[in-house]
Amino acid sequence: MTRRQNFCPQIYWNIGFAAADYAELLPWWAGVAQGTGTKLYVGEALYKAGDPAQPAAWQDPAELSRHLTLAKEHPEARGHVFFAAREVREDKIGAMARVVADHYQPLARTPR
């Protein structure tokens, strides 16, 4: 019996962050998952969006949307986990609304 595994690395840095660039870490994690049958779900730092203590990239509501756009280039990335639930609800600068608008299709209407 083959057991499939899932993993969720917390890639909590912005694209272009010198010490840990999201655009370099995501392909690395995709390479780790490639050919293993392991499903990669990327941990996203929604809580950083709009936090004045964070770098300028996190003041842009499009930063997280760019993460999902980049992930589309890596079929090993099967989805995203947004931390934390409170930030999904609060959506301080509209980053989650931007992600939804850019990447999630509206639900189909239920047939009558």
Foldseek 3Di string as FASTA:
>chain_A
DDDEAEDEDEQEDFAPDVVRHLLVVLVVVLVVQPPPNYAYAYEYELVQQCDPVDDPLSPDLCRVLVSVVSCVVRPSHPYYDYPDPVCCVCVPRCNNVVNCVNPPDDDDDDDD
